[in-house]
């Protein structure tokens, strides 16, 4: 079992920045991939960024150049630095972990990010 706790969401104006954090506990040795997903009202959940234990990261095209995912293995924490935020980035952001690529089996409770125009 892995427990995930997100923090760092909030309200920000367009063009601003936020940093999300996700702290993992429990069976963290199972974690190979850590990802940030988001779900906007009326839309499907989408993968925003993921990072492998080796450090390789992938991003959705919509956030490339604006968002940066990183991890601190000593703290079992993954971060999402979001810059140049746009109103369309408004969503609930979820942290998730996977042992195998694409198979996210543990999820956090979500944190709301709202970007005002």
N, C-alpha and C. Protein backbone atom coordinates (compact mmCIF):
# COMPACT_ATOMS: atom_id res chain seq x y z
N UNK A 1 0.83 -1.19 0.00
CA UNK A 1 0.00 0.00 0.00
C UNK A 1 0.87 1.24 0.00
N UNK A 2 0.45 2.21 -0.78
CA UNK A 2 1.13 3.51 -0.83
C UNK A 2 0.10 4.58 -0.53
N UNK A 3 0.45 5.48 0.34
CA UNK A 3 -0.42 6.61 0.65
C UNK A 3 0.21 7.87 0.06
N UNK A 4 -0.65 8.71 -0.54
CA UNK A 4 -0.18 9.93 -1.20
C UNK A 4 -0.95 11.12 -0.65
N UNK A 5 -0.22 12.16 -0.33
CA UNK A 5 -0.85 13.39 0.17
C UNK A 5 -0.34 14.56 -0.65
N UNK A 6 -1.26 15.23 -1.34
CA UNK A 6 -0.89 16.38 -2.17
C UNK A 6 -1.08 17.68 -1.39
N UNK A 7 -0.35 18.67 -1.82
CA UNK A 7 -0.51 20.01 -1.26
C UNK A 7 -0.02 21.03 -2.28
N UNK A 8 -0.39 22.28 -2.05
CA UNK A 8 0.14 23.36 -2.88
C UNK A 8 -0.82 23.97 -3.87
N UNK A 9 -2.02 23.44 -3.96
CA UNK A 9 -2.98 24.04 -4.88
C UNK A 9 -3.47 25.39 -4.37
N UNK A 10 -4.25 26.06 -5.21
CA UNK A 10 -4.79 27.34 -4.80
C UNK A 10 -5.27 28.15 -5.97
N UNK A 11 -5.51 29.42 -5.71
CA UNK A 11 -5.99 30.36 -6.71
C UNK A 11 -4.85 31.27 -7.13
N UNK A 12 -4.65 31.42 -8.43
CA UNK A 12 -3.57 32.25 -8.94
C UNK A 12 -4.06 32.95 -10.21
N UNK A 13 -3.51 34.10 -10.48
CA UNK A 13 -3.85 34.81 -11.71
C UNK A 13 -3.10 34.21 -12.89
N UNK A 14 -3.67 34.39 -14.06
CA UNK A 14 -3.01 33.94 -15.28
C UNK A 14 -1.61 34.54 -15.37
N UNK A 15 -0.67 33.69 -15.76
CA UNK A 15 0.72 34.11 -15.82
C UNK A 15 1.50 33.82 -14.55
N UNK A 16 0.80 33.44 -13.50
CA UNK A 16 1.44 33.17 -12.23
C UNK A 16 1.99 31.76 -12.13
N UNK A 17 2.47 31.42 -10.94
CA UNK A 17 3.11 30.13 -10.71
C UNK A 17 2.58 29.49 -9.44
N UNK A 18 2.64 28.19 -9.42
CA UNK A 18 2.32 27.39 -8.24
C UNK A 18 3.22 26.17 -8.23
N UNK A 19 3.49 25.65 -7.05
CA UNK A 19 4.21 24.39 -6.94
C UNK A 19 3.38 23.41 -6.14
N UNK A 20 3.12 22.28 -6.75
CA UNK A 20 2.40 21.20 -6.08
C UNK A 20 3.41 20.20 -5.52
N UNK A 21 3.05 19.63 -4.38
CA UNK A 21 3.87 18.60 -3.76
C UNK A 21 3.03 17.37 -3.51
N UNK A 22 3.66 16.23 -3.56
CA UNK A 22 2.98 14.96 -3.27
C UNK A 22 3.94 14.09 -2.48
N UNK A 23 3.58 13.85 -1.23
CA UNK A 23 4.42 13.04 -0.35
C UNK A 23 3.88 11.61 -0.31
N UNK A 24 4.75 10.66 -0.55
CA UNK A 24 4.38 9.25 -0.54
C UNK A 24 4.86 8.59 0.74
N UNK A 25 4.05 7.66 1.22
CA UNK A 25 4.45 6.86 2.39
C UNK A 25 3.94 5.44 2.20
N UNK A 26 4.43 4.54 3.03
CA UNK A 26 4.03 3.15 2.91
C UNK A 26 5.05 2.38 2.09
N UNK A 27 4.56 1.56 1.18
CA UNK A 27 5.43 0.68 0.37
C UNK A 27 6.03 1.45 -0.80
N UNK A 28 6.84 2.43 -0.48
CA UNK A 28 7.39 3.30 -1.53
C UNK A 28 8.40 2.58 -2.42
N UNK A 29 8.89 1.41 -1.97
CA UNK A 29 9.82 0.65 -2.81
C UNK A 29 9.15 0.15 -4.07
N UNK A 30 7.80 0.13 -4.08
CA UNK A 30 7.06 -0.32 -5.25
C UNK A 30 7.00 0.74 -6.35
N UNK A 31 7.36 1.96 -6.01
CA UNK A 31 7.12 3.07 -6.94
C UNK A 31 8.25 3.19 -7.96
N UNK A 32 7.90 3.05 -9.22
CA UNK A 32 8.84 3.33 -10.30
C UNK A 32 8.49 4.61 -11.05
N UNK A 33 7.18 4.88 -11.12
CA UNK A 33 6.72 6.06 -11.83
C UNK A 33 5.85 6.89 -10.90
N UNK A 34 6.04 8.18 -10.97
CA UNK A 34 5.17 9.11 -10.25
C UNK A 34 4.65 10.12 -11.26
N UNK A 35 3.35 10.32 -11.23
CA UNK A 35 2.75 11.20 -12.23
C UNK A 35 1.76 12.18 -11.65
N UNK A 36 1.60 13.27 -12.34
CA UNK A 36 0.56 14.24 -12.03
C UNK A 36 -0.49 14.18 -13.13
N UNK A 37 -1.71 14.02 -12.72
CA UNK A 37 -2.84 14.03 -13.64
C UNK A 37 -3.73 15.20 -13.24
N UNK A 38 -4.63 15.57 -14.15
CA UNK A 38 -5.60 16.61 -13.80
C UNK A 38 -6.93 16.32 -14.45
N UNK A 39 -7.97 16.83 -13.81
CA UNK A 39 -9.32 16.68 -14.35
C UNK A 39 -10.06 17.99 -14.20
N UNK A 40 -10.43 18.55 -15.33
CA UNK A 40 -11.21 19.77 -15.35
C UNK A 40 -12.70 19.41 -15.40
N UNK A 41 -13.57 20.30 -14.97
CA UNK A 41 -15.01 20.01 -15.00
C UNK A 41 -15.48 19.62 -16.40
N UNK A 42 -16.17 18.51 -16.48
CA UNK A 42 -16.72 18.06 -17.75
C UNK A 42 -15.72 17.42 -18.69
N UNK A 43 -14.50 17.24 -18.22
CA UNK A 43 -13.46 16.64 -19.07
C UNK A 43 -12.91 15.38 -18.44
N UNK A 44 -12.28 14.58 -19.27
CA UNK A 44 -11.65 13.37 -18.76
C UNK A 44 -10.33 13.70 -18.06
N UNK A 45 -9.97 12.83 -17.14
CA UNK A 45 -8.68 12.99 -16.47
C UNK A 45 -7.57 12.79 -17.50
N UNK A 46 -6.54 13.62 -17.42
CA UNK A 46 -5.43 13.52 -18.35
C UNK A 46 -4.10 13.53 -17.59
N UNK A 47 -3.14 12.86 -18.17
CA UNK A 47 -1.80 12.85 -17.61
C UNK A 47 -1.10 14.15 -17.98
N UNK A 48 -0.56 14.82 -16.99
CA UNK A 48 0.13 16.09 -17.21
C UNK A 48 1.63 15.88 -17.32
N UNK A 49 2.18 15.10 -16.39
CA UNK A 49 3.62 14.86 -16.38
C UNK A 49 3.90 13.62 -15.56
N UNK A 50 4.94 12.92 -15.92
CA UNK A 50 5.37 11.78 -15.13
C UNK A 50 6.88 11.75 -15.08
N UNK A 51 7.37 11.10 -14.04
CA UNK A 51 8.81 10.97 -13.86
C UNK A 51 9.14 9.57 -13.40
N UNK A 52 10.17 9.02 -14.00
CA UNK A 52 10.62 7.67 -13.66
C UNK A 52 11.65 7.75 -12.53
N UNK A 53 11.82 6.65 -11.84
CA UNK A 53 12.79 6.62 -10.75
C UNK A 53 14.19 6.96 -11.23
N UNK A 54 14.46 6.72 -12.51
CA UNK A 54 15.76 7.07 -13.07
C UNK A 54 15.92 8.54 -13.39
N UNK A 55 14.79 9.27 -13.32
CA UNK A 55 14.84 10.71 -13.54
C UNK A 55 14.26 11.18 -14.85
N UNK A 56 14.00 10.27 -15.78
CA UNK A 56 13.41 10.68 -17.05
C UNK A 56 11.99 11.19 -16.83
N UNK A 57 11.65 12.26 -17.53
CA UNK A 57 10.34 12.88 -17.39
C UNK A 57 9.66 13.05 -18.74
N UNK A 58 8.35 12.95 -18.73
CA UNK A 58 7.54 13.20 -19.92
C UNK A 58 6.44 14.19 -19.57
N UNK A 59 6.03 14.96 -20.57
CA UNK A 59 5.01 15.99 -20.35
C UNK A 59 3.95 15.94 -21.43
N UNK A 60 2.75 16.34 -21.07
CA UNK A 60 1.72 16.56 -22.07
C UNK A 60 2.12 17.77 -22.90
N UNK A 61 1.74 17.76 -24.17
CA UNK A 61 2.11 18.86 -25.05
C UNK A 61 1.61 20.20 -24.52
N UNK A 62 0.46 20.17 -23.87
CA UNK A 62 -0.16 21.41 -23.41
C UNK A 62 0.62 22.10 -22.30
N UNK A 63 1.54 21.38 -21.65
CA UNK A 63 2.27 21.99 -20.53
C UNK A 63 3.77 22.05 -20.76
N UNK A 64 4.24 21.52 -21.87
CA UNK A 64 5.67 21.52 -22.14
C UNK A 64 6.21 22.95 -22.14
N UNK A 65 7.33 23.12 -21.47
CA UNK A 65 7.94 24.44 -21.39
C UNK A 65 7.40 25.30 -20.27
N UNK A 66 6.30 24.87 -19.67
CA UNK A 66 5.69 25.65 -18.58
C UNK A 66 5.73 24.91 -17.25
N UNK A 67 5.62 23.60 -17.29
CA UNK A 67 5.59 22.78 -16.08
C UNK A 67 6.87 21.97 -15.98
N UNK A 68 7.31 21.73 -14.76
CA UNK A 68 8.48 20.90 -14.51
C UNK A 68 8.17 19.94 -13.38
N UNK A 69 8.37 18.65 -13.64
CA UNK A 69 8.18 17.64 -12.61
C UNK A 69 9.54 17.23 -12.06
N UNK A 70 9.61 17.02 -10.77
CA UNK A 70 10.86 16.60 -10.15
C UNK A 70 10.54 15.72 -8.95
N UNK A 71 11.52 15.02 -8.46
CA UNK A 71 11.30 14.14 -7.32
C UNK A 71 12.48 14.21 -6.38
N UNK A 72 12.19 14.06 -5.11
CA UNK A 72 13.19 13.98 -4.06
C UNK A 72 13.01 12.62 -3.42
N UNK A 73 13.85 11.67 -3.80
CA UNK A 73 13.68 10.30 -3.31
C UNK A 73 13.96 10.19 -1.82
N UNK A 74 14.78 11.05 -1.30
CA UNK A 74 15.06 11.02 0.14
C UNK A 74 13.81 11.35 0.94
N UNK A 75 12.95 12.17 0.35
CA UNK A 75 11.71 12.57 1.02
C UNK A 75 10.50 11.85 0.45
N UNK A 76 10.71 10.98 -0.53
CA UNK A 76 9.59 10.29 -1.20
C UNK A 76 8.54 11.29 -1.66
N UNK A 77 9.00 12.33 -2.26
CA UNK A 77 8.11 13.42 -2.66
C UNK A 77 8.34 13.77 -4.13
N UNK A 78 7.24 14.03 -4.83
CA UNK A 78 7.30 14.50 -6.20
C UNK A 78 6.69 15.89 -6.25
N UNK A 79 7.26 16.73 -7.08
CA UNK A 79 6.82 18.11 -7.20
C UNK A 79 6.37 18.41 -8.62
N UNK A 80 5.49 19.37 -8.75
CA UNK A 80 5.12 19.88 -10.06
C UNK A 80 5.19 21.41 -9.98
N UNK A 81 6.22 21.95 -10.59
CA UNK A 81 6.36 23.40 -10.67
C UNK A 81 5.61 23.88 -11.90
N UNK A 82 4.63 24.73 -11.68
CA UNK A 82 3.79 25.21 -12.77
C UNK A 82 4.01 26.71 -12.94
N UNK A 83 4.38 27.10 -14.13
CA UNK A 83 4.62 28.51 -14.42
C UNK A 83 3.80 28.93 -15.63
N UNK A 84 3.70 30.24 -15.83
CA UNK A 84 2.92 30.78 -16.96
C UNK A 84 1.55 30.13 -17.02
N UNK A 85 0.91 30.06 -15.89
CA UNK A 85 -0.37 29.37 -15.80
C UNK A 85 -1.44 30.07 -16.63
N UNK A 86 -2.32 29.25 -17.19
CA UNK A 86 -3.41 29.73 -18.03
C UNK A 86 -4.74 29.31 -17.42
N UNK A 87 -5.81 30.02 -17.73
CA UNK A 87 -7.12 29.61 -17.20
C UNK A 87 -7.47 28.16 -17.54
N UNK A 88 -7.01 27.69 -18.68
CA UNK A 88 -7.31 26.30 -19.06
C UNK A 88 -6.53 25.28 -18.24
N UNK A 89 -5.62 25.72 -17.40
CA UNK A 89 -4.95 24.81 -16.47
C UNK A 89 -5.80 24.55 -15.23
N UNK A 90 -6.89 25.25 -15.10
CA UNK A 90 -7.78 25.05 -13.95
C UNK A 90 -8.31 23.63 -13.92
N UNK A 91 -8.10 22.96 -12.81
CA UNK A 91 -8.50 21.55 -12.67
C UNK A 91 -8.18 21.08 -11.26
N UNK A 92 -8.64 19.88 -10.97
CA UNK A 92 -8.16 19.18 -9.77
C UNK A 92 -6.94 18.37 -10.22
N UNK A 93 -5.86 18.54 -9.51
CA UNK A 93 -4.62 17.85 -9.84
C UNK A 93 -4.42 16.68 -8.87
N UNK A 94 -4.13 15.53 -9.45
CA UNK A 94 -3.96 14.31 -8.68
C UNK A 94 -2.55 13.76 -8.87
N UNK A 95 -1.98 13.33 -7.79
CA UNK A 95 -0.71 12.61 -7.83
C UNK A 95 -1.04 11.12 -7.88
N UNK A 96 -0.24 10.37 -8.62
CA UNK A 96 -0.46 8.93 -8.71
C UNK A 96 0.89 8.23 -8.88
N UNK A 97 0.93 6.98 -8.44
CA UNK A 97 2.16 6.22 -8.57
C UNK A 97 1.89 4.89 -9.25
N UNK A 98 2.95 4.36 -9.86
CA UNK A 98 2.83 3.10 -10.58
C UNK A 98 4.13 2.32 -10.46
N UNK A 99 3.98 1.01 -10.42
CA UNK A 99 5.15 0.14 -10.50
C UNK A 99 5.50 -0.10 -11.96
N UNK A 100 4.45 -0.23 -12.79
CA UNK A 100 4.64 -0.45 -14.22
C UNK A 100 4.09 0.74 -14.99
N UNK A 101 4.70 1.05 -16.10
CA UNK A 101 4.35 2.22 -16.90
C UNK A 101 2.86 2.21 -17.26
N UNK A 102 2.20 3.31 -16.96
CA UNK A 102 0.80 3.47 -17.32
C UNK A 102 -0.19 2.83 -16.39
N UNK A 103 0.28 2.06 -15.44
CA UNK A 103 -0.63 1.35 -14.53
C UNK A 103 -0.62 2.02 -13.17
N UNK A 104 -1.30 3.15 -13.09
CA UNK A 104 -1.33 3.88 -11.83
C UNK A 104 -2.31 3.21 -10.89
N UNK A 105 -1.84 2.79 -9.74
CA UNK A 105 -2.72 2.06 -8.83
C UNK A 105 -2.91 2.74 -7.49
N UNK A 106 -2.17 3.79 -7.24
CA UNK A 106 -2.38 4.56 -6.02
C UNK A 106 -2.54 6.03 -6.39
N UNK A 107 -3.54 6.65 -5.78
CA UNK A 107 -3.89 8.03 -6.11
C UNK A 107 -4.02 8.86 -4.84
N UNK A 108 -3.67 10.12 -4.97
CA UNK A 108 -3.91 11.06 -3.89
C UNK A 108 -5.33 11.57 -3.93
N UNK A 109 -5.66 12.43 -2.98
CA UNK A 109 -7.02 12.92 -2.87
C UNK A 109 -7.31 14.08 -3.81
N UNK A 110 -6.27 14.65 -4.39
CA UNK A 110 -6.45 15.75 -5.33
C UNK A 110 -6.31 17.10 -4.65
N UNK A 111 -5.83 18.07 -5.43
CA UNK A 111 -5.72 19.44 -4.95
C UNK A 111 -6.20 20.37 -6.06
N UNK A 112 -7.02 21.34 -5.69
CA UNK A 112 -7.63 22.23 -6.67
C UNK A 112 -6.65 23.32 -7.09
N UNK A 113 -6.54 23.51 -8.39
CA UNK A 113 -5.79 24.63 -8.94
C UNK A 113 -6.76 25.47 -9.78
N UNK A 114 -6.86 26.73 -9.46
CA UNK A 114 -7.75 27.63 -10.18
C UNK A 114 -6.94 28.81 -10.70
N UNK A 115 -7.01 29.03 -12.00
CA UNK A 115 -6.28 30.13 -12.63
C UNK A 115 -7.29 31.13 -13.16
N UNK A 116 -7.24 32.33 -12.64
CA UNK A 116 -8.19 33.36 -13.06
C UNK A 116 -7.61 34.19 -14.20
N UNK A 117 -8.49 34.65 -15.05
CA UNK A 117 -8.04 35.42 -16.23
C UNK A 117 -7.97 36.90 -15.91
